[in-house]
Amino acid sequence: MTTTRNDCLALDAADPLAPLREAFALPDGVIYLDGNSLGALPKATAARVQQVVQDEWGNGLIRSWNTAGWIDLAQRLGNQIARLVGAGADELIVADSTSTNLYKVLSTAISLQKLDAPGRDLIVSERSNFPTDLYIAETLARAHGMTLVLIDADELPVHLNDRLAVLMLTHVNYRTGRMFDMAGVTRDAHAAGALMVWDLAHSAGAVPVDLTGADADFAVGCSYKYLNGGPGAQAFVWAHPRHTARMDRDQLRQPLSGWLGHAAPFEFTTDYRPALGIQRFVCGTPALLSMSALECGLDVFARAEHFGGMAALRRKSLALTDLFIASVEARCEGLGLRLVTPREHAHRGSQASFAHETGGYPIMQALIARGVIGDFRAPDLLRFGFTPLYTRFVDVFDAVAHLHAVLDGGEWREARFNQRAAVT
C-alpha cells in the first residue's frame, strides 16, 4: 500500500519527538536532508554566541576564563557528548579537529602496540573510509615504518591476523550509510591482538553508541553534523580509561603535547608534564565562540531525554529512512536509481544513499534548486541524511515527489545543473 501525504502528516502529528523541531531555525520552503554533513542551526545559538561576544568577551574580557567558566567548557561539553556515545564522566573531551584528534589517538595506539607487540606492522582501514582518516593513517604508517592496508568491509576477517596492530574504522560509512557492529568488530580485533580506533563522525547524535560496552580503545568524532554545533565546530576525543591510566602510570605521551594538555598549564614551565586522564589529549586553546554554539546543539539532546533519548531518536531515524527508501523505489522505479545503503536496520546509519546510472551531481543540484537539500558524493551518489530531531515524515514524502519530478521530466539535464561548484 502506498503511503500518502496525509499518512505522513498523521505520523508527524503522532510523533513524540515533533516538539524538538521547534528548537531549530529551519528556512521556509526548504526540506533539509543534509544534517549528516552540517546540522541545522538551533534557535538558541545566535543569542548565546552574542552573549559570549558582548558580555563574556566584551565586558568580562580575560576574566571570563574563570568567571564564565571558559576554562572548563571543553570538559563540560565532553560530558554531554559522553552520554550520547556510552562513555563515562570525564573520559571524553571536546578539542581541536577530527583529523588532529585522529592523529593523536592513532599515534598513541601505534606506540602502545610497539611496546606490547613490536612485530605488528599493519594498520587496516576501509577503502571507502573518509579520506582525511586515510591520509592521517598513511602519514603515520610511513613515519612508523608500518603499512596501511585498505580493504572492503567484507574482507575484514582475513586481515585479523598477527601482523595487525591497529584497526581503524568509521562506525557509519559516510558514503553508503553502512554501519558496523561496533561490539562485534572490536571483539574480533582484540581477539587478533589489535587495538580498535573508531571514528564517530556519522554516529554521534544519530545512532546509539556504547563505547564502554563495546570495549573500544579510542574514538574521535565531529560535532557539526548530527550534534548541530555549527560549521567547523570543534571535535571530540575519547580513550578507554585503561589506556589513560597506563599513560598516567608510565608517563606515555600523545604526540601533540600542547600547553592545555599540560598537568599545570599556568605554571608555564619549559618542560612538558602530561595532564592526567583525557585532558592530556588536548592540544591548543579551545575555540570559545564555536564551543558556545555547540553547547546549544547539545542542549537539544538534553531535552530529547524527556522524549526517550537516543532510543527514540533511533526508532524515528529508522522509520524515516525506511519510508524514504520504500517511497523512492516505488515512485522512481525505472529512473536509474540504485540503493547502496543497507536495508537491514542493524547495518544502517541515519542516511540513505542512491547511485544514479548517469551521475548524481546534476540531479542533486536540481533538487537543491527546488529546496530539497541533500548532497552528492563522487562519482555517482545522491546522499540524503535524516536528523530525527527535526526531519518530518511529510518532508520525506515531499522530497521524493521532487526527486521523481526531477528524474521523470529530465530537469537535471539542464546546463545550469551540470556546472560543478567547489563544494558538492
Protein backbone atom coordinates (compact mmCIF):
# COMPACT_ATOMS: atom_id res chain seq x y z
CA MET A 1 0.00 0.00 0.00
CA THR A 2 1.37 3.42 -1.00
CA THR A 3 1.94 5.92 1.79
CA THR A 4 0.07 9.15 1.11
CA ARG A 5 0.92 12.68 2.16
CA ASN A 6 -1.96 12.58 4.64
CA ASP A 7 -0.48 9.39 6.11
CA CYS A 8 2.79 11.26 6.65
CA LEU A 9 1.02 14.21 8.25
CA ALA A 10 -0.65 11.76 10.62
CA LEU A 11 2.71 10.22 11.51
CA ASP A 12 4.05 13.70 12.28
CA ALA A 13 1.05 14.50 14.44
CA ALA A 14 1.68 11.33 16.46
CA ASP A 15 5.45 11.77 16.66
CA PRO A 16 6.57 12.25 20.31
CA LEU A 17 9.76 13.94 19.09
CA ALA A 18 7.90 16.53 16.99
CA PRO A 19 8.25 19.37 19.57
CA LEU A 20 12.05 19.27 19.18
CA ARG A 21 11.80 20.64 15.64
CA GLU A 22 10.82 23.99 17.14
CA ALA A 23 14.32 24.24 18.62
CA PHE A 24 15.77 24.80 15.13
CA ALA A 25 15.75 27.74 12.72
CA LEU A 26 14.74 25.96 9.51
CA PRO A 27 14.06 28.15 6.45
CA ASP A 28 10.56 28.17 4.98
CA GLY A 29 10.27 26.24 1.75
CA VAL A 30 13.34 24.09 2.44
CA ILE A 31 13.46 20.36 3.08
CA TYR A 32 16.80 19.85 4.77
CA LEU A 33 18.23 16.35 4.31
CA ASP A 34 21.90 17.17 4.81
CA GLY A 35 22.24 17.21 8.59
CA ASN A 36 24.74 14.38 8.19
CA SER A 37 27.10 16.96 6.65
CA LEU A 38 26.12 20.14 8.52
CA GLY A 39 23.47 20.21 11.21
CA ALA A 40 20.75 22.85 11.27
CA LEU A 41 21.02 25.99 13.37
CA PRO A 42 19.47 25.78 16.86
CA LYS A 43 17.39 28.89 17.54
CA ALA A 44 19.25 29.49 20.80
CA THR A 45 22.67 29.65 19.17
CA ALA A 46 22.70 33.20 17.83
CA ALA A 47 21.69 34.71 21.18
CA ARG A 48 24.16 32.51 23.07
CA VAL A 49 27.08 33.44 20.84
CA GLN A 50 26.07 37.10 21.04
CA GLN A 51 26.06 36.81 24.85
CA VAL A 52 29.56 35.37 24.81
CA VAL A 53 30.75 38.12 22.46
CA GLN A 54 29.12 41.06 24.20
CA ASP A 55 29.06 40.06 27.86
CA GLU A 56 31.69 37.43 28.47
CA TRP A 57 34.28 38.71 25.99
CA GLY A 58 33.19 42.36 25.73
CA ASN A 59 32.69 43.02 29.44
CA GLY A 60 34.34 40.12 31.19
CA LEU A 61 37.41 40.20 28.97
CA ILE A 62 40.10 37.78 30.09
CA ARG A 63 38.42 37.37 33.45
CA SER A 64 35.81 35.17 31.75
CA TRP A 65 38.21 32.24 31.64
CA ASN A 66 37.37 31.99 35.33
CA THR A 67 34.13 33.91 35.88
CA ALA A 68 32.28 32.47 32.85
CA GLY A 69 33.82 29.02 33.15
CA TRP A 70 35.60 29.12 29.80
CA ILE A 71 38.48 27.00 31.05
CA ASP A 72 36.15 24.09 31.93
CA LEU A 73 33.79 24.31 28.94
CA ALA A 74 35.59 21.66 26.87
CA GLN A 75 35.14 19.08 29.61
CA ARG A 76 31.54 20.06 30.35
CA LEU A 77 30.64 19.65 26.68
CA GLY A 78 32.63 16.43 26.59
CA ASN A 79 30.49 15.04 29.39
CA GLN A 80 27.33 15.91 27.45
CA ILE A 81 28.61 14.07 24.36
CA ALA A 82 29.81 11.17 26.52
CA ARG A 83 26.22 10.41 27.48
CA LEU A 84 25.34 10.05 23.79
CA VAL A 85 28.16 7.63 22.95
CA GLY A 86 28.38 5.42 26.02
CA ALA A 87 31.43 6.97 27.66
CA GLY A 88 31.90 7.74 31.33
CA ALA A 89 32.19 11.13 33.03
CA ASP A 90 35.45 12.95 32.28
CA GLU A 91 36.53 10.28 29.76
CA LEU A 92 35.74 12.34 26.64
CA ILE A 93 36.68 15.93 25.85
CA VAL A 94 35.98 18.48 23.12
CA ALA A 95 39.16 19.66 21.42
CA ASP A 96 40.78 20.54 18.11
CA SER A 97 39.60 18.92 14.84
CA THR A 98 38.68 15.35 13.97
CA SER A 99 41.84 15.00 11.87
CA THR A 100 44.04 16.29 14.68
CA ASN A 101 42.38 14.04 17.24
CA LEU A 102 42.71 11.04 14.97
CA TYR A 103 46.42 11.78 14.64
CA LYS A 104 46.70 11.80 18.44
CA VAL A 105 44.83 8.57 19.15
CA LEU A 106 46.22 6.61 16.20
CA SER A 107 49.74 7.65 17.18
CA THR A 108 49.05 6.57 20.75
CA ALA A 109 47.65 3.21 19.64
CA ILE A 110 50.73 2.61 17.47
CA SER A 111 53.04 3.50 20.34
CA LEU A 112 51.23 1.13 22.69
CA GLN A 113 51.49 -1.69 20.19
CA LYS A 114 55.20 -1.05 19.61
CA LEU A 115 55.69 -1.58 23.33
CA ASP A 116 53.41 -4.60 23.68
CA ALA A 117 53.61 -6.28 20.25
CA PRO A 118 56.59 -4.85 18.32
CA GLY A 119 56.28 -7.29 15.43
CA ARG A 120 52.90 -5.96 14.32
CA ASP A 121 53.29 -3.64 11.35
CA LEU A 122 49.86 -3.20 9.73
CA ILE A 123 47.17 -0.54 10.08
CA VAL A 124 43.95 -1.67 8.43
CA SER A 125 41.05 0.52 7.36
CA GLU A 126 38.15 0.50 4.95
CA ARG A 127 38.91 1.56 1.38
CA SER A 128 35.85 3.82 1.35
CA ASN A 129 36.62 5.40 4.71
CA PHE A 130 36.52 9.21 4.82
CA PRO A 131 39.68 10.46 3.08
CA THR A 132 41.07 12.53 5.96
CA ASP A 133 41.19 9.38 8.10
CA LEU A 134 43.15 7.57 5.41
CA TYR A 135 45.52 10.49 4.88
CA ILE A 136 46.32 10.65 8.60
CA ALA A 137 46.81 6.88 8.75
CA GLU A 138 49.07 6.91 5.70
CA THR A 139 51.23 9.65 7.23
CA LEU A 140 51.61 7.76 10.49
CA ALA A 141 52.26 4.44 8.78
CA ARG A 142 55.16 5.98 6.89
CA ALA A 143 56.52 7.68 10.00
CA HIS A 144 56.50 4.43 11.98
CA GLY A 145 57.71 2.07 9.27
CA MET A 146 54.30 0.42 9.03
CA THR A 147 51.93 -0.36 6.17
CA LEU A 148 48.41 0.93 5.69
CA VAL A 149 46.18 -1.73 4.17
CA LEU A 150 42.84 -0.70 2.64
CA ILE A 151 40.09 -3.28 2.34
CA ASP A 152 36.40 -3.64 1.60
CA ALA A 153 34.29 -4.24 4.69
CA ASP A 154 33.54 -7.84 3.75
CA GLU A 155 37.27 -8.61 3.58
CA LEU A 156 37.90 -7.76 7.22
CA PRO A 157 38.04 -11.31 8.69
CA VAL A 158 41.07 -12.36 6.64
CA HIS A 159 43.04 -9.34 7.88
CA LEU A 160 42.59 -10.11 11.57
CA ASN A 161 45.99 -11.71 11.99
CA ASP A 162 49.21 -11.44 13.98
CA ARG A 163 50.52 -8.56 11.84
CA LEU A 164 47.57 -6.29 12.58
CA ALA A 165 48.48 -3.51 15.01
CA VAL A 166 45.51 -1.15 14.71
CA LEU A 167 42.11 -1.45 13.07
CA MET A 168 40.71 2.00 12.26
CA LEU A 169 37.12 2.26 11.04
CA THR A 170 34.34 4.81 10.79
CA HIS A 171 31.29 3.41 12.57
CA VAL A 172 28.88 4.61 9.85
CA ASN A 173 30.33 4.88 6.35
CA TYR A 174 29.93 8.43 5.06
CA ARG A 175 29.13 7.29 1.52
CA THR A 176 26.82 4.33 1.92
CA GLY A 177 25.47 4.74 5.45
CA ARG A 178 26.56 1.18 6.25
CA MET A 179 27.04 0.72 10.00
CA PHE A 180 29.49 -1.71 11.57
CA ASP A 181 28.67 -3.89 14.54
CA MET A 182 30.90 -1.96 16.92
CA ALA A 183 30.94 -4.52 19.70
CA GLY A 184 31.48 -7.49 17.37
CA VAL A 185 34.22 -5.88 15.29
CA THR A 186 36.01 -4.62 18.39
CA ARG A 187 35.84 -8.06 19.96
CA ASP A 188 37.31 -9.64 16.82
CA ALA A 189 40.08 -7.05 16.64
CA HIS A 190 41.03 -7.66 20.27
CA ALA A 191 40.97 -11.43 19.74
CA ALA A 192 43.54 -10.88 16.99
CA GLY A 193 45.70 -8.76 19.34
CA ALA A 194 44.92 -5.42 17.69
CA LEU A 195 43.73 -2.10 19.09
CA MET A 196 40.49 -0.56 17.83
CA VAL A 197 40.04 3.09 16.79
CA TRP A 198 36.54 4.31 15.86
CA ASP A 199 35.52 7.48 14.04
CA LEU A 200 32.02 8.51 15.18
CA ALA A 201 31.55 11.41 12.74
CA HIS A 202 28.34 9.93 11.31
CA SER A 203 27.22 8.21 14.51
CA ALA A 204 27.23 10.67 17.40
CA GLY A 205 23.73 12.02 17.86
CA ALA A 206 22.31 9.84 15.07
CA VAL A 207 22.54 6.25 16.28
CA PRO A 208 23.01 4.73 19.74
CA VAL A 209 26.70 4.18 20.52
CA ASP A 210 28.16 2.34 23.51
CA LEU A 211 31.94 2.75 23.53
CA THR A 212 32.27 1.29 27.00
CA GLY A 213 30.00 -1.66 26.32
CA ALA A 214 31.87 -2.38 23.08
CA ASP A 215 35.20 -2.19 24.96
CA ALA A 216 36.63 0.09 22.27
CA ASP A 217 40.11 1.54 22.69
CA PHE A 218 39.91 5.02 21.17
CA ALA A 219 37.31 7.16 19.41
CA VAL A 220 37.09 10.54 17.73
CA GLY A 221 34.21 12.42 16.18
CA CYS A 222 33.00 15.77 14.92
CA SER A 223 30.23 17.93 16.34
CA TYR A 224 28.97 19.90 13.35
CA LYS A 225 26.88 17.11 11.82
CA TYR A 226 24.14 15.47 13.90
CA LEU A 227 25.25 17.36 17.04
CA ASN A 228 24.44 20.69 15.37
CA GLY A 229 27.49 22.56 16.64
CA GLY A 230 27.87 24.78 13.56
CA PRO A 231 30.37 24.89 10.68
CA GLY A 232 33.87 23.98 11.83
CA ALA A 233 32.78 23.20 15.37
CA GLN A 234 35.46 21.54 17.46
CA ALA A 235 35.70 17.77 17.53
CA PHE A 236 35.91 15.32 20.41
CA VAL A 237 38.27 12.59 21.53
CA TRP A 238 37.85 9.58 23.81
CA ALA A 239 40.26 6.98 25.18
CA HIS A 240 39.34 3.96 27.24
CA PRO A 241 40.27 4.52 30.91
CA ARG A 242 42.64 1.53 30.81
CA HIS A 243 44.76 3.40 28.29
CA THR A 244 44.70 6.78 30.01
CA ALA A 245 45.53 5.02 33.31
CA ARG A 246 48.50 3.35 31.69
CA MET A 247 49.63 6.63 30.15
CA ASP A 248 49.35 8.27 33.57
CA ARG A 249 51.32 5.48 35.19
CA ASP A 250 54.05 5.11 32.58
CA GLN A 251 54.18 8.76 31.53
CA LEU A 252 53.32 7.90 27.93
CA ARG A 253 52.50 10.89 25.75
CA GLN A 254 50.24 11.55 22.84
CA PRO A 255 52.34 13.22 20.10
CA LEU A 256 50.93 16.78 20.20
CA SER A 257 51.93 17.99 23.62
CA GLY A 258 50.24 21.38 23.61
CA TRP A 259 50.06 23.66 26.58
CA LEU A 260 46.49 22.86 27.66
CA GLY A 261 47.39 19.18 27.78
CA HIS A 262 49.94 20.03 30.47
CA ALA A 263 49.27 19.00 34.07
CA ALA A 264 49.66 22.61 35.20
CA PRO A 265 49.49 24.89 32.14
CA PHE A 266 49.56 28.11 34.13
CA GLU A 267 52.83 27.28 35.82
CA PHE A 268 54.38 27.97 32.36
CA THR A 269 57.27 25.59 32.86
CA THR A 270 59.59 24.78 29.97
CA ASP A 271 59.28 21.01 30.45
CA TYR A 272 56.15 19.09 29.49
CA ARG A 273 54.29 17.10 32.12
CA PRO A 274 51.09 15.47 30.79
CA ALA A 275 47.79 16.09 32.49
CA LEU A 276 46.03 13.06 33.91
CA GLY A 277 43.25 11.28 32.05
CA ILE A 278 41.66 12.54 28.85
CA GLN A 279 42.88 16.11 29.44
CA ARG A 280 46.29 15.03 28.12
CA PHE A 281 44.72 14.72 24.65
CA VAL A 282 44.03 18.47 24.48
CA CYS A 283 46.49 20.46 22.42
CA GLY A 284 45.52 24.02 21.52
CA THR A 285 43.42 26.72 23.15
CA PRO A 286 39.70 25.93 22.76
CA ALA A 287 37.64 27.96 20.27
CA LEU A 288 35.23 29.51 22.76
CA LEU A 289 32.77 31.07 20.32
CA SER A 290 32.44 27.79 18.45
CA MET A 291 32.11 25.76 21.63
CA SER A 292 29.39 28.09 22.91
CA ALA A 293 27.43 27.36 19.75
CA LEU A 294 27.97 23.63 20.23
CA GLU A 295 26.55 23.91 23.74
CA CYS A 296 23.21 24.95 22.23
CA GLY A 297 23.18 21.96 19.92
CA LEU A 298 23.89 19.59 22.78
CA ASP A 299 21.21 21.19 24.92
CA VAL A 300 18.59 19.94 22.44
CA PHE A 301 19.76 16.38 23.12
CA ALA A 302 19.27 17.03 26.82
CA ARG A 303 15.67 17.97 26.00
CA ALA A 304 15.35 14.82 23.89
CA GLU A 305 15.94 12.75 27.03
CA HIS A 306 12.40 13.67 28.11
CA PHE A 307 11.08 12.08 24.90
CA GLY A 308 13.03 8.83 25.08
CA GLY A 309 16.56 9.95 24.24
CA MET A 310 18.75 8.14 21.73
CA ALA A 311 16.47 5.08 21.63
CA ALA A 312 13.54 7.23 20.48
CA LEU A 313 15.73 9.09 18.00
CA ARG A 314 16.91 5.79 16.56
CA ARG A 315 13.36 4.49 16.15
CA LYS A 316 12.36 7.62 14.27
CA SER A 317 15.53 7.58 12.17
CA LEU A 318 14.80 4.04 11.01
CA ALA A 319 11.16 4.89 10.31
CA LEU A 320 12.22 7.91 8.22
CA THR A 321 14.83 6.01 6.23
CA ASP A 322 12.50 3.03 5.76
CA LEU A 323 9.85 5.35 4.36
CA PHE A 324 12.30 7.19 2.13
CA ILE A 325 13.81 4.03 0.66
CA ALA A 326 10.42 2.43 0.03
CA SER A 327 8.99 5.62 -1.48
CA VAL A 328 11.94 6.22 -3.80
CA GLU A 329 11.86 2.64 -5.04
CA ALA A 330 8.09 2.77 -5.57
CA ARG A 331 7.82 6.20 -7.18
CA CYS A 332 11.12 6.37 -9.06
CA GLU A 333 11.23 2.84 -10.41
CA GLY A 334 12.92 2.63 -13.79
CA LEU A 335 14.51 6.07 -13.48
CA GLY A 336 18.11 4.90 -12.97
CA LEU A 337 18.44 4.85 -9.18
CA ARG A 338 20.10 2.03 -7.22
CA LEU A 339 20.08 1.79 -3.42
CA VAL A 340 23.55 1.43 -1.86
CA THR A 341 22.53 1.83 1.78
CA PRO A 342 21.85 -1.43 3.65
CA ARG A 343 18.21 -2.33 4.09
CA GLU A 344 18.91 -4.16 7.36
CA HIS A 345 18.38 -1.93 10.37
CA ALA A 346 21.39 -3.35 12.19
CA HIS A 347 23.67 -2.20 9.37
CA ARG A 348 22.11 1.19 8.55
CA GLY A 349 23.04 4.58 9.94
CA SER A 350 20.77 7.62 9.61
CA GLN A 351 21.08 8.24 5.89
CA ALA A 352 20.02 6.77 2.56
CA SER A 353 22.28 6.86 -0.49
CA PHE A 354 21.30 6.08 -4.06
CA ALA A 355 23.60 5.76 -7.05
CA HIS A 356 22.41 7.03 -10.42
CA GLU A 357 23.45 5.43 -13.66
CA THR A 358 24.42 8.68 -15.37
CA GLY A 359 25.88 10.52 -12.39
CA GLY A 360 24.18 12.14 -9.45
CA TYR A 361 25.61 15.64 -9.32
CA PRO A 362 23.15 17.46 -11.61
CA ILE A 363 20.23 15.60 -10.08
CA MET A 364 21.17 16.87 -6.64
CA GLN A 365 21.64 20.39 -7.96
CA ALA A 366 18.16 20.28 -9.49
CA LEU A 367 16.76 19.10 -6.16
CA ILE A 368 18.54 21.86 -4.29
CA ALA A 369 17.07 24.41 -6.70
CA ARG A 370 13.67 23.07 -5.69
CA GLY A 371 14.52 23.49 -1.99
CA VAL A 372 15.36 19.84 -1.24
CA ILE A 373 18.89 19.91 0.16
CA GLY A 374 20.92 16.72 0.20
CA ASP A 375 24.41 16.29 -1.20
CA PHE A 376 26.46 14.47 -3.82
CA ARG A 377 29.45 12.21 -3.29
CA ALA A 378 31.60 11.27 -6.27
CA PRO A 379 31.34 9.50 -8.52
CA ASP A 380 27.59 8.85 -8.55
CA LEU A 381 25.95 9.01 -5.10
CA LEU A 382 22.93 11.04 -4.06
CA ARG A 383 23.15 11.20 -0.27
CA PHE A 384 20.23 12.07 2.00
CA GLY A 385 20.65 12.46 5.75
CA PHE A 386 17.79 12.18 8.25
CA THR A 387 18.07 14.04 11.54
CA PRO A 388 15.21 12.85 13.74
CA LEU A 389 15.42 15.95 15.92
CA TYR A 390 13.87 18.00 13.11
CA THR A 391 13.13 15.90 9.99
CA ARG A 392 9.41 15.18 9.47
CA PHE A 393 7.67 12.33 7.68
CA VAL A 394 5.99 14.82 5.36
CA ASP A 395 9.47 16.06 4.42
CA VAL A 396 10.20 12.54 3.17
CA PHE A 397 7.02 12.46 1.08
CA ASP A 398 7.64 15.86 -0.47
CA ALA A 399 11.34 15.19 -1.11
CA VAL A 400 10.55 12.01 -3.02
CA ALA A 401 7.90 13.84 -5.05
CA HIS A 402 10.52 16.39 -6.09
CA LEU A 403 13.04 13.66 -6.87
CA HIS A 404 10.54 11.92 -9.14
CA ALA A 405 9.76 15.18 -10.92
CA VAL A 406 13.44 15.94 -11.50
CA LEU A 407 14.13 12.48 -12.91
CA ASP A 408 10.93 11.88 -14.85
CA GLY A 409 10.99 15.27 -16.55
CA GLY A 410 14.72 15.25 -17.28
CA GLU A 411 15.10 18.55 -15.43
CA TRP A 412 18.58 17.56 -14.22
CA ARG A 413 19.92 17.69 -17.80
CA GLU A 414 19.70 21.50 -17.87
CA ALA A 415 23.11 23.11 -18.29
CA ARG A 416 22.83 25.14 -15.10
CA PHE A 417 22.73 21.95 -13.01
CA ASN A 418 25.79 20.45 -14.68
CA GLN A 419 28.27 23.17 -13.69
CA ARG A 420 30.38 21.89 -10.80
CA ALA A 421 30.76 24.10 -7.75
CA ALA A 422 33.77 23.86 -5.44
CA VAL A 423 31.71 22.11 -2.71
CA THR A 424 29.44 19.26 -3.76
